[in-house]
Amino acid sequence: MDRYEIIIYWSAEDNAYIAEVPELPGCMAHGKNYESALKNAKEAAALWIKTAKEFNDPIPEPKGRRLVYA
């Protein structure tokens, strides 16, 4: 679960940080600060995977992106 990419950004409209897990369709969370958005996204991803397993739905493999510095 920790290998999935999480994108976190500020939403002025929602007045909160939004955290999306793009590899898990529809998986997103929010928080009042960066850390809480990240924590909530990890919990949402774990629940997404648990639900997919219960319904025998496919679970995407994490792409495992990593930063490369030139």
N, C-alpha and C. Protein backbone atom coordinates (compact mmCIF):
# COMPACT_ATOMS: atom_id res chain seq x y z
N MET A 1 0.82 -1.19 0.00
CA MET A 1 0.00 0.00 0.00
C MET A 1 0.86 1.25 0.00
N ASP A 2 2.01 1.22 0.66
CA ASP A 2 2.87 2.40 0.72
C ASP A 2 3.57 2.69 -0.60
N ARG A 3 3.44 1.81 -1.57
CA ARG A 3 4.14 2.02 -2.83
C ARG A 3 3.30 2.76 -3.86
N TYR A 4 2.07 3.07 -3.54
CA TYR A 4 1.23 3.82 -4.46
C TYR A 4 1.54 5.30 -4.38
N GLU A 5 1.54 5.95 -5.54
CA GLU A 5 1.78 7.38 -5.61
C GLU A 5 0.60 8.12 -4.97
N ILE A 6 0.90 9.14 -4.18
CA ILE A 6 -0.12 10.00 -3.58
C ILE A 6 0.21 11.43 -3.96
N ILE A 7 -0.75 12.11 -4.55
CA ILE A 7 -0.58 13.52 -4.94
C ILE A 7 -1.38 14.37 -3.97
N ILE A 8 -0.71 15.33 -3.35
CA ILE A 8 -1.35 16.19 -2.36
C ILE A 8 -1.27 17.63 -2.83
N TYR A 9 -2.40 18.33 -2.76
CA TYR A 9 -2.43 19.73 -3.17
C TYR A 9 -3.45 20.49 -2.32
N TRP A 10 -3.28 21.79 -2.26
CA TRP A 10 -4.20 22.65 -1.52
C TRP A 10 -5.39 23.00 -2.40
N SER A 11 -6.59 22.92 -1.85
CA SER A 11 -7.80 23.32 -2.55
C SER A 11 -8.40 24.51 -1.80
N ALA A 12 -8.32 25.68 -2.42
CA ALA A 12 -8.92 26.87 -1.80
C ALA A 12 -10.43 26.73 -1.74
N GLU A 13 -11.01 26.07 -2.74
CA GLU A 13 -12.46 25.87 -2.77
C GLU A 13 -12.94 25.07 -1.57
N ASP A 14 -12.19 24.02 -1.22
CA ASP A 14 -12.55 23.15 -0.10
C ASP A 14 -11.91 23.59 1.21
N ASN A 15 -10.96 24.54 1.12
CA ASN A 15 -10.21 24.99 2.29
C ASN A 15 -9.56 23.81 3.01
N ALA A 16 -8.95 22.94 2.22
CA ALA A 16 -8.32 21.73 2.76
C ALA A 16 -7.28 21.22 1.79
N TYR A 17 -6.39 20.37 2.31
CA TYR A 17 -5.47 19.65 1.43
C TYR A 17 -6.20 18.43 0.88
N ILE A 18 -6.03 18.20 -0.40
CA ILE A 18 -6.64 17.05 -1.07
C ILE A 18 -5.52 16.08 -1.41
N ALA A 19 -5.74 14.81 -1.13
CA ALA A 19 -4.76 13.76 -1.44
C ALA A 19 -5.42 12.73 -2.34
N GLU A 20 -4.85 12.55 -3.54
CA GLU A 20 -5.37 11.60 -4.51
C GLU A 20 -4.40 10.44 -4.68
N VAL A 21 -4.95 9.24 -4.87
CA VAL A 21 -4.16 8.06 -5.19
C VAL A 21 -4.55 7.66 -6.61
N PRO A 22 -3.87 8.23 -7.62
CA PRO A 22 -4.33 8.07 -9.00
C PRO A 22 -4.38 6.64 -9.51
N GLU A 23 -3.57 5.75 -8.98
CA GLU A 23 -3.56 4.36 -9.45
C GLU A 23 -4.76 3.56 -8.94
N LEU A 24 -5.47 4.09 -7.94
CA LEU A 24 -6.65 3.44 -7.39
C LEU A 24 -7.85 4.34 -7.72
N PRO A 25 -8.57 4.05 -8.78
CA PRO A 25 -9.64 4.93 -9.26
C PRO A 25 -10.62 5.35 -8.15
N GLY A 26 -10.81 6.67 -8.06
CA GLY A 26 -11.75 7.21 -7.08
C GLY A 26 -11.21 7.32 -5.67
N CYS A 27 -9.98 6.92 -5.46
CA CYS A 27 -9.41 6.92 -4.10
C CYS A 27 -8.80 8.29 -3.81
N MET A 28 -9.42 8.99 -2.87
CA MET A 28 -8.90 10.28 -2.46
C MET A 28 -9.35 10.58 -1.03
N ALA A 29 -8.71 11.56 -0.43
CA ALA A 29 -9.03 11.96 0.93
C ALA A 29 -8.67 13.43 1.08
N HIS A 30 -8.95 13.99 2.25
CA HIS A 30 -8.58 15.37 2.51
C HIS A 30 -8.14 15.51 3.96
N GLY A 31 -7.58 16.65 4.27
CA GLY A 31 -7.16 16.92 5.64
C GLY A 31 -6.92 18.40 5.84
N LYS A 32 -6.92 18.83 7.09
CA LYS A 32 -6.73 20.25 7.38
C LYS A 32 -5.27 20.67 7.20
N ASN A 33 -4.36 19.69 7.19
CA ASN A 33 -2.96 19.97 6.89
C ASN A 33 -2.40 18.83 6.05
N TYR A 34 -1.19 19.04 5.56
CA TYR A 34 -0.54 18.08 4.65
C TYR A 34 -0.46 16.69 5.28
N GLU A 35 -0.02 16.65 6.53
CA GLU A 35 0.17 15.37 7.22
C GLU A 35 -1.13 14.60 7.40
N SER A 36 -2.20 15.30 7.76
CA SER A 36 -3.47 14.60 7.95
C SER A 36 -4.05 14.14 6.61
N ALA A 37 -3.82 14.90 5.54
CA ALA A 37 -4.27 14.46 4.22
C ALA A 37 -3.53 13.19 3.81
N LEU A 38 -2.23 13.14 4.06
CA LEU A 38 -1.44 11.95 3.74
C LEU A 38 -1.92 10.74 4.55
N LYS A 39 -2.11 10.93 5.83
CA LYS A 39 -2.58 9.84 6.69
C LYS A 39 -3.94 9.33 6.22
N ASN A 40 -4.84 10.25 5.92
CA ASN A 40 -6.18 9.86 5.47
C ASN A 40 -6.14 9.16 4.11
N ALA A 41 -5.24 9.59 3.24
CA ALA A 41 -5.11 8.94 1.93
C ALA A 41 -4.59 7.51 2.08
N LYS A 42 -3.66 7.30 2.99
CA LYS A 42 -3.15 5.94 3.23
C LYS A 42 -4.26 5.04 3.77
N GLU A 43 -5.08 5.57 4.66
CA GLU A 43 -6.21 4.80 5.19
C GLU A 43 -7.23 4.51 4.09
N ALA A 44 -7.49 5.50 3.23
CA ALA A 44 -8.44 5.31 2.14
C ALA A 44 -7.93 4.27 1.16
N ALA A 45 -6.62 4.28 0.88
CA ALA A 45 -6.04 3.29 -0.04
C ALA A 45 -6.14 1.88 0.55
N ALA A 46 -5.88 1.75 1.83
CA ALA A 46 -5.99 0.44 2.48
C ALA A 46 -7.43 -0.07 2.40
N LEU A 47 -8.39 0.80 2.63
CA LEU A 47 -9.80 0.42 2.54
C LEU A 47 -10.19 0.09 1.10
N TRP A 48 -9.68 0.84 0.13
CA TRP A 48 -9.93 0.58 -1.28
C TRP A 48 -9.46 -0.83 -1.64
N ILE A 49 -8.24 -1.16 -1.22
CA ILE A 49 -7.67 -2.48 -1.52
C ILE A 49 -8.44 -3.58 -0.81
N LYS A 50 -8.80 -3.36 0.44
CA LYS A 50 -9.58 -4.36 1.19
C LYS A 50 -10.92 -4.63 0.51
N THR A 51 -11.59 -3.58 0.08
CA THR A 51 -12.89 -3.72 -0.59
C THR A 51 -12.73 -4.44 -1.92
N ALA A 52 -11.70 -4.09 -2.67
CA ALA A 52 -11.45 -4.76 -3.96
C ALA A 52 -11.23 -6.25 -3.75
N LYS A 53 -10.50 -6.61 -2.71
CA LYS A 53 -10.26 -8.04 -2.42
C LYS A 53 -11.56 -8.75 -2.07
N GLU A 54 -12.41 -8.10 -1.28
CA GLU A 54 -13.68 -8.70 -0.88
C GLU A 54 -14.57 -9.00 -2.08
N PHE A 55 -14.50 -8.14 -3.10
CA PHE A 55 -15.34 -8.31 -4.29
C PHE A 55 -14.60 -8.95 -5.45
N ASN A 56 -13.39 -9.43 -5.18
CA ASN A 56 -12.55 -10.04 -6.21
C ASN A 56 -12.33 -9.13 -7.41
N ASP A 57 -12.26 -7.85 -7.15
CA ASP A 57 -11.95 -6.87 -8.19
C ASP A 57 -10.44 -6.79 -8.38
N PRO A 58 -10.00 -6.45 -9.59
CA PRO A 58 -8.56 -6.33 -9.81
C PRO A 58 -7.95 -5.18 -9.02
N ILE A 59 -6.75 -5.40 -8.54
CA ILE A 59 -6.01 -4.38 -7.80
C ILE A 59 -4.78 -4.01 -8.63
N PRO A 60 -4.70 -2.77 -9.07
CA PRO A 60 -3.55 -2.37 -9.88
C PRO A 60 -2.23 -2.52 -9.12
N GLU A 61 -1.21 -2.95 -9.84
CA GLU A 61 0.12 -3.00 -9.25
C GLU A 61 0.64 -1.56 -9.15
N PRO A 62 1.31 -1.24 -8.06
CA PRO A 62 1.88 0.11 -7.97
C PRO A 62 2.96 0.29 -9.04
N LYS A 63 3.01 1.47 -9.61
CA LYS A 63 4.00 1.74 -10.66
C LYS A 63 5.40 1.93 -10.09
N GLY A 64 5.46 2.25 -8.82
CA GLY A 64 6.77 2.37 -8.17
C GLY A 64 7.64 3.46 -8.73
N ARG A 65 7.05 4.59 -9.04
CA ARG A 65 7.85 5.71 -9.54
C ARG A 65 8.86 6.14 -8.49
N ARG A 66 9.95 6.63 -8.96
CA ARG A 66 10.94 7.15 -8.04
C ARG A 66 11.57 8.39 -8.64
N LEU A 67 12.11 9.22 -7.80
CA LEU A 67 12.73 10.45 -8.27
C LEU A 67 14.12 10.15 -8.82
N VAL A 68 14.45 10.78 -9.92
CA VAL A 68 15.79 10.65 -10.49
C VAL A 68 16.35 12.05 -10.60
N TYR A 69 17.50 12.29 -10.00
CA TYR A 69 18.11 13.60 -10.03
C TYR A 69 19.23 13.61 -11.07
N ALA A 70 19.26 14.66 -11.89
CA ALA A 70 20.30 14.76 -12.93
C ALA A 70 21.47 15.57 -12.42
